[in-house]
Amino acid sequence: MRKTVKVGDMVVEFCANGATPLRYKQVFHKDLLKFFDNASKEGVDDAFATETVMELSFIMAMQAKGGDLSKLTEEEYYEWLSMFDANDIPQNASDIIDVYMGNTKTDSELKKESAPQADA
């Protein structure tokens, strides 16, 4: 899913796809899917959730830009963050998470109606 979000004074394009959790793990050495699973089951610390959303924002912004994503580093993440005020990304967390979660939704329709099952 691709979406543009106003973050502070900047308009940032984000892109989420099947590679997003893998790129996240490649750069930050943490499991994004485990984070969302834990968050849905038992909740997570606000500071940890904020940090994760900021990191996820970076990955999705870099995916939207394209280029060689295999060489992303944490240093580039810090440089990217320096373009924003401290609360810009956390204030837009719901929009940013919606972009990521939109990646798991489908727009496809069933090709045929379900038929009643035959008795065995």
PDB file of N, CA and C in Angstrom:
ATOM      1  N   MET A   1       0.843  -1.167   0.000  1.00  0.00           N
ATOM      2  CA  MET A   1       0.000   0.000   0.000  1.00  0.00           C
ATOM      3  C   MET A   1       0.887   1.229   0.000  1.00  0.00           C
ATOM      4  N   ARG A   2       0.467   2.230  -0.701  1.00  0.00           N
ATOM      5  CA  ARG A   2       1.212   3.476  -0.810  1.00  0.00           C
ATOM      6  C   ARG A   2       0.285   4.609  -0.408  1.00  0.00           C
ATOM      7  N   LYS A   3       0.811   5.522   0.441  1.00  0.00           N
ATOM      8  CA  LYS A   3      -0.009   6.639   0.895  1.00  0.00           C
ATOM      9  C   LYS A   3       0.897   7.804   1.264  1.00  0.00           C
ATOM     10  N   THR A   4       0.391   9.009   1.034  1.00  0.00           N
ATOM     11  CA  THR A   4       1.100  10.220   1.415  1.00  0.00           C
ATOM     12  C   THR A   4       0.503  10.743   2.717  1.00  0.00           C
ATOM     13  N   VAL A   5       1.382  11.083   3.670  1.00  0.00           N
ATOM     14  CA  VAL A   5       0.956  11.569   4.978  1.00  0.00           C
ATOM     15  C   VAL A   5       1.711  12.856   5.281  1.00  0.00           C
ATOM     16  N   LYS A   6       1.003  13.862   5.805  1.00  0.00           N
ATOM     17  CA  LYS A   6       1.674  15.095   6.220  1.00  0.00           C
ATOM     18  C   LYS A   6       2.253  14.858   7.610  1.00  0.00           C
ATOM     19  N   VAL A   7       3.563  14.929   7.708  1.00  0.00           N
ATOM     20  CA  VAL A   7       4.281  14.717   8.962  1.00  0.00           C
ATOM     21  C   VAL A   7       4.971  16.033   9.292  1.00  0.00           C
ATOM     22  N   GLY A   8       4.457  16.730  10.289  1.00  0.00           N
ATOM     23  CA  GLY A   8       4.986  18.062  10.597  1.00  0.00           C
ATOM     24  C   GLY A   8       4.711  18.985   9.428  1.00  0.00           C
ATOM     25  N   ASP A   9       5.746  19.619   8.932  1.00  0.00           N
ATOM     26  CA  ASP A   9       5.615  20.522   7.785  1.00  0.00           C
ATOM     27  C   ASP A   9       5.907  19.820   6.465  1.00  0.00           C
ATOM     28  N   MET A  10       6.216  18.544   6.519  1.00  0.00           N
ATOM     29  CA  MET A  10       6.597  17.809   5.309  1.00  0.00           C
ATOM     30  C   MET A  10       5.508  16.831   4.885  1.00  0.00           C
ATOM     31  N   VAL A  11       5.422  16.602   3.588  1.00  0.00           N
ATOM     32  CA  VAL A  11       4.560  15.564   3.047  1.00  0.00           C
ATOM     33  C   VAL A  11       5.468  14.385   2.732  1.00  0.00           C
ATOM     34  N   VAL A  12       5.175  13.233   3.336  1.00  0.00           N
ATOM     35  CA  VAL A  12       6.030  12.059   3.199  1.00  0.00           C
ATOM     36  C   VAL A  12       5.222  10.939   2.564  1.00  0.00           C
ATOM     37  N   GLU A  13       5.808  10.308   1.567  1.00  0.00           N
ATOM     38  CA  GLU A  13       5.162   9.152   0.960  1.00  0.00           C
ATOM     39  C   GLU A  13       5.674   7.901   1.653  1.00  0.00           C
ATOM     40  N   PHE A  14       4.735   7.024   2.018  1.00  0.00           N
ATOM     41  CA  PHE A  14       5.056   5.762   2.659  1.00  0.00           C
ATOM     42  C   PHE A  14       4.587   4.624   1.769  1.00  0.00           C
ATOM     43  N   CYS A  15       5.325   3.527   1.805  1.00  0.00           N
ATOM     44  CA  CYS A  15       4.951   2.346   1.045  1.00  0.00           C
ATOM     45  C   CYS A  15       5.185   1.120   1.933  1.00  0.00           C
ATOM     46  N   ALA A  16       4.144   0.300   2.045  1.00  0.00           N
ATOM     47  CA  ALA A  16       4.257  -0.945   2.802  1.00  0.00           C
ATOM     48  C   ALA A  16       3.966  -2.099   1.858  1.00  0.00           C
ATOM     49  N   ASN A  17       4.762  -3.138   1.964  1.00  0.00           N
ATOM     50  CA  ASN A  17       4.537  -4.333   1.148  1.00  0.00           C
ATOM     51  C   ASN A  17       5.062  -5.547   1.909  1.00  0.00           C
ATOM     52  N   GLY A  18       5.093  -6.670   1.259  1.00  0.00           N
ATOM     53  CA  GLY A  18       5.524  -7.899   1.913  1.00  0.00           C
ATOM     54  C   GLY A  18       6.954  -7.855   2.422  1.00  0.00           C
ATOM     55  N   ALA A  19       7.774  -6.985   1.863  1.00  0.00           N
ATOM     56  CA  ALA A  19       9.168  -6.893   2.292  1.00  0.00           C
ATOM     57  C   ALA A  19       9.353  -5.999   3.518  1.00  0.00           C
ATOM     58  N   THR A  20       8.341  -5.259   3.886  1.00  0.00           N
ATOM     59  CA  THR A  20       8.477  -4.299   4.985  1.00  0.00           C
ATOM     60  C   THR A  20       8.981  -4.935   6.280  1.00  0.00           C
ATOM     61  N   PRO A  21       8.378  -6.032   6.767  1.00  0.00           N
ATOM     62  CA  PRO A  21       8.902  -6.618   8.013  1.00  0.00           C
ATOM     63  C   PRO A  21      10.332  -7.145   7.869  1.00  0.00           C
ATOM     64  N   LEU A  22      10.679  -7.606   6.677  1.00  0.00           N
ATOM     65  CA  LEU A  22      12.034  -8.121   6.457  1.00  0.00           C
ATOM     66  C   LEU A  22      13.052  -6.985   6.433  1.00  0.00           C
ATOM     67  N   ARG A  23      12.706  -5.882   5.772  1.00  0.00           N
ATOM     68  CA  ARG A  23      13.594  -4.715   5.757  1.00  0.00           C
ATOM     69  C   ARG A  23      13.749  -4.145   7.168  1.00  0.00           C
ATOM     70  N   TYR A  24      12.649  -4.129   7.906  1.00  0.00           N
ATOM     71  CA  TYR A  24      12.685  -3.646   9.288  1.00  0.00           C
ATOM     72  C   TYR A  24      13.677  -4.476  10.104  1.00  0.00           C
ATOM     73  N   LYS A  25      13.585  -5.778   9.976  1.00  0.00           N
ATOM     74  CA  LYS A  25      14.486  -6.676  10.723  1.00  0.00           C
ATOM     75  C   LYS A  25      15.932  -6.510  10.258  1.00  0.00           C
ATOM     76  N   GLN A  26      16.129  -6.308   8.962  1.00  0.00           N
ATOM     77  CA  GLN A  26      17.468  -6.129   8.402  1.00  0.00           C
ATOM     78  C   GLN A  26      18.163  -4.912   9.014  1.00  0.00           C
ATOM     79  N   VAL A  27      17.425  -3.822   9.194  1.00  0.00           N
ATOM     80  CA  VAL A  27      18.022  -2.586   9.694  1.00  0.00           C
ATOM     81  C   VAL A  27      18.051  -2.538  11.220  1.00  0.00           C
ATOM     82  N   PHE A  28      16.947  -2.907  11.856  1.00  0.00           N
ATOM     83  CA  PHE A  28      16.819  -2.701  13.301  1.00  0.00           C
ATOM     84  C   PHE A  28      16.999  -3.974  14.136  1.00  0.00           C
ATOM     85  N   HIS A  29      17.126  -5.121  13.483  1.00  0.00           N
ATOM     86  CA  HIS A  29      17.386  -6.388  14.166  1.00  0.00           C
ATOM     87  C   HIS A  29      16.306  -6.741  15.191  1.00  0.00           C
ATOM     88  N   LYS A  30      15.061  -6.362  14.860  1.00  0.00           N
ATOM     89  CA  LYS A  30      13.905  -6.673  15.711  1.00  0.00           C
ATOM     90  C   LYS A  30      12.806  -7.229  14.814  1.00  0.00           C
ATOM     91  N   ASP A  31      11.956  -8.041  15.399  1.00  0.00           N
ATOM     92  CA  ASP A  31      10.873  -8.686  14.656  1.00  0.00           C
ATOM     93  C   ASP A  31       9.606  -7.832  14.728  1.00  0.00           C
ATOM     94  N   LEU A  32       9.251  -7.203  13.612  1.00  0.00           N
ATOM     95  CA  LEU A  32       8.084  -6.335  13.548  1.00  0.00           C
ATOM     96  C   LEU A  32       6.782  -7.108  13.735  1.00  0.00           C
ATOM     97  N   LEU A  33       6.713  -8.304  13.173  1.00  0.00           N
ATOM     98  CA  LEU A  33       5.497  -9.102  13.301  1.00  0.00           C
ATOM     99  C   LEU A  33       5.271  -9.516  14.757  1.00  0.00           C
ATOM    100  N   LYS A  34       6.345  -9.821  15.454  1.00  0.00           N
ATOM    101  CA  LYS A  34       6.237 -10.174  16.869  1.00  0.00           C
ATOM    102  C   LYS A  34       5.767  -8.963  17.682  1.00  0.00           C
ATOM    103  N   PHE A  35       6.250  -7.778  17.316  1.00  0.00           N
ATOM    104  CA  PHE A  35       5.808  -6.563  17.997  1.00  0.00           C
ATOM    105  C   PHE A  35       4.295  -6.393  17.889  1.00  0.00           C
ATOM    106  N   PHE A  36       3.764  -6.505  16.659  1.00  0.00           N
ATOM    107  CA  PHE A  36       2.322  -6.332  16.473  1.00  0.00           C
ATOM    108  C   PHE A  36       1.534  -7.449  17.147  1.00  0.00           C
ATOM    109  N   ASP A  37       2.077  -8.650  17.148  1.00  0.00           N
ATOM    110  CA  ASP A  37       1.404  -9.760  17.821  1.00  0.00           C
ATOM    111  C   ASP A  37       1.334  -9.504  19.329  1.00  0.00           C
ATOM    112  N   ASN A  38       2.453  -9.107  19.926  1.00  0.00           N
ATOM    113  CA  ASN A  38       2.480  -8.804  21.360  1.00  0.00           C
ATOM    114  C   ASN A  38       1.581  -7.617  21.690  1.00  0.00           C
ATOM    115  N   ALA A  39       1.589  -6.615  20.829  1.00  0.00           N
ATOM    116  CA  ALA A  39       0.769  -5.426  21.078  1.00  0.00           C
ATOM    117  C   ALA A  39      -0.711  -5.778  21.092  1.00  0.00           C
ATOM    118  N   SER A  40      -1.112  -6.690  20.210  1.00  0.00           N
ATOM    119  CA  SER A  40      -2.530  -7.057  20.146  1.00  0.00           C
ATOM    120  C   SER A  40      -2.940  -7.959  21.307  1.00  0.00           C
ATOM    121  N   LYS A  41      -2.003  -8.743  21.831  1.00  0.00           N
ATOM    122  CA  LYS A  41      -2.322  -9.688  22.907  1.00  0.00           C
ATOM    123  C   LYS A  41      -2.189  -9.075  24.295  1.00  0.00           C
ATOM    124  N   GLU A  42      -1.073  -8.428  24.540  1.00  0.00           N
ATOM    125  CA  GLU A  42      -0.797  -7.976  25.907  1.00  0.00           C
ATOM    126  C   GLU A  42      -0.455  -6.509  26.013  1.00  0.00           C
ATOM    127  N   GLY A  43      -0.423  -5.795  24.900  1.00  0.00           N
ATOM    128  CA  GLY A  43      -0.064  -4.381  24.936  1.00  0.00           C
ATOM    129  C   GLY A  43       1.438  -4.198  25.023  1.00  0.00           C
ATOM    130  N   VAL A  44       1.878  -2.997  24.743  1.00  0.00           N
ATOM    131  CA  VAL A  44       3.314  -2.698  24.802  1.00  0.00           C
ATOM    132  C   VAL A  44       3.520  -1.343  25.464  1.00  0.00           C
ATOM    133  N   ASP A  45       4.698  -1.133  25.954  1.00  0.00           N
ATOM    134  CA  ASP A  45       5.106   0.118  26.563  1.00  0.00           C
ATOM    135  C   ASP A  45       5.012   1.247  25.537  1.00  0.00           C
ATOM    136  N   ASP A  46       4.508   2.410  25.954  1.00  0.00           N
ATOM    137  CA  ASP A  46       4.336   3.538  25.032  1.00  0.00           C
ATOM    138  C   ASP A  46       5.649   3.965  24.371  1.00  0.00           C
ATOM    139  N   ALA A  47       6.725   3.999  25.141  1.00  0.00           N
ATOM    140  CA  ALA A  47       8.019   4.415  24.581  1.00  0.00           C
ATOM    141  C   ALA A  47       8.491   3.420  23.522  1.00  0.00           C
ATOM    142  N   PHE A  48       8.300   2.133  23.787  1.00  0.00           N
ATOM    143  CA  PHE A  48       8.695   1.104  22.828  1.00  0.00           C
ATOM    144  C   PHE A  48       7.831   1.181  21.572  1.00  0.00           C
ATOM    145  N   ALA A  49       6.530   1.422  21.752  1.00  0.00           N
ATOM    146  CA  ALA A  49       5.621   1.547  20.613  1.00  0.00           C
ATOM    147  C   ALA A  49       5.986   2.766  19.759  1.00  0.00           C
ATOM    148  N   THR A  50       6.307   3.878  20.407  1.00  0.00           N
ATOM    149  CA  THR A  50       6.702   5.092  19.684  1.00  0.00           C
ATOM    150  C   THR A  50       7.975   4.851  18.889  1.00  0.00           C
ATOM    151  N   GLU A  51       8.940   4.216  19.510  1.00  0.00           N
ATOM    152  CA  GLU A  51      10.204   3.905  18.830  1.00  0.00           C
ATOM    153  C   GLU A  51       9.950   3.012  17.613  1.00  0.00           C
ATOM    154  N   THR A  52       9.107   2.013  17.776  1.00  0.00           N
ATOM    155  CA  THR A  52       8.806   1.092  16.680  1.00  0.00           C
ATOM    156  C   THR A  52       8.118   1.805  15.530  1.00  0.00           C
ATOM    157  N   VAL A  53       7.168   2.684  15.840  1.00  0.00           N
ATOM    158  CA  VAL A  53       6.474   3.435  14.774  1.00  0.00           C
ATOM    159  C   VAL A  53       7.445   4.352  14.040  1.00  0.00           C
ATOM    160  N   MET A  54       8.364   4.960  14.763  1.00  0.00           N
ATOM    161  CA  MET A  54       9.352   5.828  14.117  1.00  0.00           C
ATOM    162  C   MET A  54      10.252   5.017  13.177  1.00  0.00           C
ATOM    163  N   GLU A  55      10.687   3.859  13.644  1.00  0.00           N
ATOM    164  CA  GLU A  55      11.531   2.993  12.811  1.00  0.00           C
ATOM    165  C   GLU A  55      10.753   2.481  11.597  1.00  0.00           C
ATOM    166  N   LEU A  56       9.518   2.069  11.820  1.00  0.00           N
ATOM    167  CA  LEU A  56       8.675   1.589  10.723  1.00  0.00           C
ATOM    168  C   LEU A  56       8.446   2.692   9.702  1.00  0.00           C
ATOM    169  N   SER A  57       8.261   3.921  10.176  1.00  0.00           N
ATOM    170  CA  SER A  57       8.078   5.069   9.282  1.00  0.00           C
ATOM    171  C   SER A  57       9.272   5.216   8.343  1.00  0.00           C
ATOM    172  N   PHE A  58      10.457   5.084   8.901  1.00  0.00           N
ATOM    173  CA  PHE A  58      11.672   5.192   8.101  1.00  0.00           C
ATOM    174  C   PHE A  58      11.710   4.119   7.013  1.00  0.00           C
ATOM    175  N   ILE A  59      11.452   2.890   7.386  1.00  0.00           N
ATOM    176  CA  ILE A  59      11.489   1.789   6.416  1.00  0.00           C
ATOM    177  C   ILE A  59      10.484   2.034   5.295  1.00  0.00           C
ATOM    178  N   MET A  60       9.264   2.414   5.653  1.00  0.00           N
ATOM    179  CA  MET A  60       8.232   2.621   4.635  1.00  0.00           C
ATOM    180  C   MET A  60       8.526   3.839   3.762  1.00  0.00           C
ATOM    181  N   ALA A  61       9.138   4.878   4.340  1.00  0.00           N
ATOM    182  CA  ALA A  61       9.520   6.049   3.549  1.00  0.00           C
ATOM    183  C   ALA A  61      10.623   5.682   2.556  1.00  0.00           C
ATOM    184  N   MET A  62      11.571   4.871   2.990  1.00  0.00           N
ATOM    185  CA  MET A  62      12.651   4.459   2.093  1.00  0.00           C
ATOM    186  C   MET A  62      12.124   3.529   0.997  1.00  0.00           C
ATOM    187  N   GLN A  63      11.164   2.678   1.330  1.00  0.00           N
ATOM    188  CA  GLN A  63      10.556   1.811   0.318  1.00  0.00           C
ATOM    189  C   GLN A  63       9.833   2.649  -0.728  1.00  0.00           C
ATOM    190  N   ALA A  64       9.183   3.720  -0.296  1.00  0.00           N
ATOM    191  CA  ALA A  64       8.477   4.589  -1.239  1.00  0.00           C
ATOM    192  C   ALA A  64       9.457   5.292  -2.170  1.00  0.00           C
ATOM    193  N   LYS A  65      10.641   5.643  -1.650  1.00  0.00           N
ATOM    194  CA  LYS A  65      11.667   6.310  -2.463  1.00  0.00           C
ATOM    195  C   LYS A  65      12.293   5.360  -3.479  1.00  0.00           C
ATOM    196  N   GLY A  66      12.359   4.089  -3.121  1.00  0.00           N
ATOM    197  CA  GLY A  66      13.017   3.110  -3.988  1.00  0.00           C
ATOM    198  C   GLY A  66      14.519   3.142  -3.782  1.00  0.00           C
ATOM    199  N   GLY A  67      15.247   2.672  -4.750  1.00  0.00           N
ATOM    200  CA  GLY A  67      16.693   2.612  -4.620  1.00  0.00           C
ATOM    201  C   GLY A  67      17.146   1.318  -3.991  1.00  0.00           C
ATOM    202  N   ASP A  68      18.408   1.267  -3.613  1.00  0.00           N
ATOM    203  CA  ASP A  68      19.000   0.065  -3.030  1.00  0.00           C
ATOM    204  C   ASP A  68      18.701   0.020  -1.535  1.00  0.00           C
ATOM    205  N   LEU A  69      17.700  -0.736  -1.177  1.00  0.00           N
ATOM    206  CA  LEU A  69      17.277  -0.825   0.220  1.00  0.00           C
ATOM    207  C   LEU A  69      18.130  -1.798   1.029  1.00  0.00           C
ATOM    208  N   SER A  70      18.937  -2.580   0.364  1.00  0.00           N
ATOM    209  CA  SER A  70      19.741  -3.584   1.072  1.00  0.00           C
ATOM    210  C   SER A  70      20.862  -2.949   1.889  1.00  0.00           C
ATOM    211  N   LYS A  71      21.132  -1.667   1.668  1.00  0.00           N
ATOM    212  CA  LYS A  71      22.234  -1.021   2.371  1.00  0.00           C
ATOM    213  C   LYS A  71      21.764   0.021   3.388  1.00  0.00           C
ATOM    214  N   LEU A  72      20.485  -0.024   3.776  1.00  0.00           N
ATOM    215  CA  LEU A  72      19.980   0.917   4.770  1.00  0.00           C
ATOM    216  C   LEU A  72      20.680   0.673   6.101  1.00  0.00           C
ATOM    217  N   THR A  73      20.949   1.762   6.815  1.00  0.00           N
ATOM    218  CA  THR A  73      21.623   1.654   8.109  1.00  0.00           C
ATOM    219  C   THR A  73      20.867   2.455   9.168  1.00  0.00           C
ATOM    220  N   GLU A  74      21.178   2.182  10.414  1.00  0.00           N
ATOM    221  CA  GLU A  74      20.597   2.959  11.504  1.00  0.00           C
ATOM    222  C   GLU A  74      21.058   4.411  11.430  1.00  0.00           C
ATOM    223  N   GLU A  75      22.260   4.642  10.947  1.00  0.00           N
ATOM    224  CA  GLU A  75      22.761   6.018  10.810  1.00  0.00           C
ATOM    225  C   GLU A  75      21.882   6.809   9.835  1.00  0.00           C
ATOM    226  N   GLU A  76      21.477   6.187   8.742  1.00  0.00           N
ATOM    227  CA  GLU A  76      20.571   6.848   7.792  1.00  0.00           C
ATOM    228  C   GLU A  76      19.227   7.134   8.454  1.00  0.00           C
ATOM    229  N   TYR A  77      18.802   6.239   9.323  1.00  0.00           N
ATOM    230  CA  TYR A  77      17.567   6.435  10.081  1.00  0.00           C
ATOM    231  C   TYR A  77      17.670   7.700  10.930  1.00  0.00           C
ATOM    232  N   TYR A  78      18.773   7.873  11.636  1.00  0.00           N
ATOM    233  CA  TYR A  78      18.955   9.062  12.474  1.00  0.00           C
ATOM    234  C   TYR A  78      18.995  10.327  11.629  1.00  0.00           C
ATOM    235  N   GLU A  79      19.643  10.265  10.486  1.00  0.00           N
ATOM    236  CA  GLU A  79      19.670  11.415   9.582  1.00  0.00           C
ATOM    237  C   GLU A  79      18.267  11.755   9.095  1.00  0.00           C
ATOM    238  N   TRP A  80      17.495  10.723   8.740  1.00  0.00           N
ATOM    239  CA  TRP A  80      16.119  10.935   8.269  1.00  0.00           C
ATOM    240  C   TRP A  80      15.277  11.554   9.376  1.00  0.00           C
ATOM    241  N   LEU A  81      15.401  11.046  10.611  1.00  0.00           N
ATOM    242  CA  LEU A  81      14.639  11.573  11.743  1.00  0.00           C
ATOM    243  C   LEU A  81      14.947  13.038  12.010  1.00  0.00           C
ATOM    244  N   SER A  82      16.165  13.454  11.738  1.00  0.00           N
ATOM    245  CA  SER A  82      16.559  14.833  12.024  1.00  0.00           C
ATOM    246  C   SER A  82      15.803  15.849  11.168  1.00  0.00           C
ATOM    247  N   MET A  83      15.098  15.394  10.152  1.00  0.00           N
ATOM    248  CA  MET A  83      14.298  16.295   9.314  1.00  0.00           C
ATOM    249  C   MET A  83      12.994  16.700  10.004  1.00  0.00           C
ATOM    250  N   PHE A  84      12.638  16.029  11.100  1.00  0.00           N
ATOM    251  CA  PHE A  84      11.355  16.233  11.755  1.00  0.00           C
ATOM    252  C   PHE A  84      11.543  16.772  13.171  1.00  0.00           C
ATOM    253  N   ASP A  85      10.493  17.402  13.691  1.00  0.00           N
ATOM    254  CA  ASP A  85      10.476  17.779  15.102  1.00  0.00           C
ATOM    255  C   ASP A  85      10.210  16.519  15.917  1.00  0.00           C
ATOM    256  N   ALA A  86      10.493  16.580  17.202  1.00  0.00           N
ATOM    257  CA  ALA A  86      10.423  15.400  18.064  1.00  0.00           C
ATOM    258  C   ALA A  86       9.073  14.689  18.046  1.00  0.00           C
ATOM    259  N   ASN A  87       7.979  15.417  17.982  1.00  0.00           N
ATOM    260  CA  ASN A  87       6.661  14.787  18.069  1.00  0.00           C
ATOM    261  C   ASN A  87       5.957  14.616  16.732  1.00  0.00           C
ATOM    262  N   ASP A  88       6.587  14.982  15.638  1.00  0.00           N
ATOM    263  CA  ASP A  88       5.922  14.909  14.325  1.00  0.00           C
ATOM    264  C   ASP A  88       5.462  13.491  13.976  1.00  0.00           C
ATOM    265  N   ILE A  89       6.340  12.523  14.114  1.00  0.00           N
ATOM    266  CA  ILE A  89       5.985  11.150  13.740  1.00  0.00           C
ATOM    267  C   ILE A  89       5.017  10.533  14.752  1.00  0.00           C
ATOM    268  N   PRO A  90       5.279  10.642  16.070  1.00  0.00           N
ATOM    269  CA  PRO A  90       4.310  10.071  17.012  1.00  0.00           C
ATOM    270  C   PRO A  90       2.898  10.651  16.857  1.00  0.00           C
ATOM    271  N   GLN A  91       2.782  11.931  16.514  1.00  0.00           N
ATOM    272  CA  GLN A  91       1.460  12.534  16.328  1.00  0.00           C
ATOM    273  C   GLN A  91       0.726  11.950  15.125  1.00  0.00           C
ATOM    274  N   ASN A  92       1.448  11.357  14.200  1.00  0.00           N
ATOM    275  CA  ASN A  92       0.850  10.763  13.005  1.00  0.00           C
ATOM    276  C   ASN A  92       0.903   9.246  13.034  1.00  0.00           C
ATOM    277  N   ALA A  93       1.115   8.680  14.207  1.00  0.00           N
ATOM    278  CA  ALA A  93       1.295   7.233  14.338  1.00  0.00           C
ATOM    279  C   ALA A  93       0.129   6.443  13.764  1.00  0.00           C
ATOM    280  N   SER A  94      -1.098   6.880  14.001  1.00  0.00           N
ATOM    281  CA  SER A  94      -2.243   6.100  13.509  1.00  0.00           C
ATOM    282  C   SER A  94      -2.283   6.072  11.983  1.00  0.00           C
ATOM    283  N   ASP A  95      -1.969   7.191  11.331  1.00  0.00           N
ATOM    284  CA  ASP A  95      -1.926   7.207   9.862  1.00  0.00           C
ATOM    285  C   ASP A  95      -0.814   6.304   9.333  1.00  0.00           C
ATOM    286  N   ILE A  96       0.313   6.329  10.010  1.00  0.00           N
ATOM    287  CA  ILE A  96       1.459   5.531   9.575  1.00  0.00           C
ATOM    288  C   ILE A  96       1.175   4.039   9.758  1.00  0.00           C
ATOM    289  N   ILE A  97       0.598   3.672  10.884  1.00  0.00           N
ATOM    290  CA  ILE A  97       0.255   2.269  11.118  1.00  0.00           C
ATOM    291  C   ILE A  97      -0.820   1.818  10.132  1.00  0.00           C
ATOM    292  N   ASP A  98      -1.760   2.715   9.801  1.00  0.00           N
ATOM    293  CA  ASP A  98      -2.788   2.384   8.807  1.00  0.00           C
ATOM    294  C   ASP A  98      -2.171   2.022   7.462  1.00  0.00           C
ATOM    295  N   VAL A  99      -1.102   2.713   7.085  1.00  0.00           N
ATOM    296  CA  VAL A  99      -0.419   2.374   5.827  1.00  0.00           C
ATOM    297  C   VAL A  99       0.128   0.965   5.915  1.00  0.00           C
ATOM    298  N   TYR A 100       0.792   0.642   7.026  1.00  0.00           N
ATOM    299  CA  TYR A 100       1.346  -0.704   7.184  1.00  0.00           C
ATOM    300  C   TYR A 100       0.244  -1.751   7.229  1.00  0.00           C
ATOM    301  N   MET A 101      -0.783  -1.502   8.021  1.00  0.00           N
ATOM    302  CA  MET A 101      -1.858  -2.481   8.165  1.00  0.00           C
ATOM    303  C   MET A 101      -2.683  -2.593   6.884  1.00  0.00           C
ATOM    304  N   GLY A 102      -2.740  -1.544   6.111  1.00  0.00           N
ATOM    305  CA  GLY A 102      -3.439  -1.599   4.836  1.00  0.00           C
ATOM    306  C   GLY A 102      -2.810  -2.617   3.915  1.00  0.00           C
ATOM    307  N   ASN A 103      -1.542  -2.878   4.152  1.00  0.00           N
ATOM    308  CA  ASN A 103      -0.819  -3.875   3.381  1.00  0.00           C
ATOM    309  C   ASN A 103      -1.399  -5.272   3.600  1.00  0.00           C
ATOM    310  N   THR A 104      -2.056  -5.492   4.735  1.00  0.00           N
ATOM    311  CA  THR A 104      -2.585  -6.823   5.028  1.00  0.00           C
ATOM    312  C   THR A 104      -4.031  -6.983   4.568  1.00  0.00           C
ATOM    313  N   LYS A 105      -4.639  -5.883   4.114  1.00  0.00           N
ATOM    314  CA  LYS A 105      -6.016  -5.956   3.640  1.00  0.00           C
ATOM    315  C   LYS A 105      -6.021  -6.331   2.164  1.00  0.00           C
ATOM    316  N   THR A 106      -7.120  -6.885   1.711  1.00  0.00           N
ATOM    317  CA  THR A 106      -7.230  -7.236   0.300  1.00  0.00           C
ATOM    318  C   THR A 106      -8.405  -6.502  -0.320  1.00  0.00           C
ATOM    319  N   ASP A 107      -8.239  -6.098  -1.550  1.00  0.00           N
ATOM    320  CA  ASP A 107      -9.316  -5.449  -2.288  1.00  0.00           C
ATOM    321  C   ASP A 107      -9.956  -6.420  -3.263  1.00  0.00           C
ATOM    322  N   SER A 108      -9.446  -7.642  -3.309  1.00  0.00           N
ATOM    323  CA  SER A 108      -9.972  -8.597  -4.276  1.00  0.00           C
ATOM    324  C   SER A 108     -11.316  -9.140  -3.808  1.00  0.00           C
ATOM    325  N   GLU A 109     -12.119  -9.524  -4.768  1.00  0.00           N
ATOM    326  CA  GLU A 109     -13.433 -10.072  -4.473  1.00  0.00           C
ATOM    327  C   GLU A 109     -13.414 -11.563  -4.780  1.00  0.00           C
ATOM    328  N   LEU A 110     -14.314 -12.291  -4.126  1.00  0.00           N
ATOM    329  CA  LEU A 110     -14.426 -13.713  -4.408  1.00  0.00           C
ATOM    330  C   LEU A 110     -14.819 -13.912  -5.862  1.00  0.00           C
ATOM    331  N   LYS A 111     -14.216 -14.871  -6.515  1.00  0.00           N
ATOM    332  CA  LYS A 111     -14.498 -15.111  -7.918  1.00  0.00           C
ATOM    333  C   LYS A 111     -15.789 -15.882  -8.114  1.00  0.00           C
ATOM    334  N   LYS A 112     -16.122 -16.721  -7.155  1.00  0.00           N
ATOM    335  CA  LYS A 112     -17.398 -17.435  -7.263  1.00  0.00           C
ATOM    336  C   LYS A 112     -18.032 -17.516  -5.884  1.00  0.00           C
ATOM    337  N   GLU A 113     -19.303 -17.616  -5.878  1.00  0.00           N
ATOM    338  CA  GLU A 113     -20.049 -17.677  -4.628  1.00  0.00           C
ATOM    339  C   GLU A 113     -19.807 -19.030  -3.978  1.00  0.00           C
ATOM    340  N   SER A 114     -19.829 -19.058  -2.665  1.00  0.00           N
ATOM    341  CA  SER A 114     -19.652 -20.339  -1.988  1.00  0.00           C
ATOM    342  C   SER A 114     -20.916 -21.161  -2.147  1.00  0.00           C
ATOM    343  N   ALA A 115     -20.713 -22.400  -2.437  1.00  0.00           N
ATOM    344  CA  ALA A 115     -21.840 -23.313  -2.638  1.00  0.00           C
ATOM    345  C   ALA A 115     -22.105 -24.076  -1.351  1.00  0.00           C
ATOM    346  N   PRO A 116     -23.335 -24.524  -1.173  1.00  0.00           N
ATOM    347  CA  PRO A 116     -23.614 -25.319   0.029  1.00  0.00           C
ATOM    348  C   PRO A 116     -22.809 -26.620  -0.034  1.00  0.00           C
ATOM    349  N   GLN A 117     -22.370 -27.062   1.129  1.00  0.00           N
ATOM    350  CA  GLN A 117     -21.589 -28.295   1.160  1.00  0.00           C
ATOM    351  C   GLN A 117     -22.523 -29.496   1.095  1.00  0.00           C
ATOM    352  N   ALA A 118     -22.060 -30.482   0.385  1.00  0.00           N
ATOM    353  CA  ALA A 118     -22.856 -31.719   0.229  1.00  0.00           C
ATOM    354  C   ALA A 118     -22.760 -32.538   1.509  1.00  0.00           C
ATOM    355  N   ASP A 119     -23.824 -33.194   1.853  1.00  0.00           N
ATOM    356  CA  ASP A 119     -23.808 -34.081   3.022  1.00  0.00           C
ATOM    357  C   ASP A 119     -23.007 -35.324   2.678  1.00  0.00           C
ATOM    358  N   ALA A 120     -22.230 -35.789   3.603  1.00  0.00           N
ATOM    359  CA  ALA A 120     -21.402 -36.966   3.348  1.00  0.00           C
ATOM    360  C   ALA A 120     -22.099 -38.213   3.774  1.00  0.00           C
TER     361      ALA A 120
END
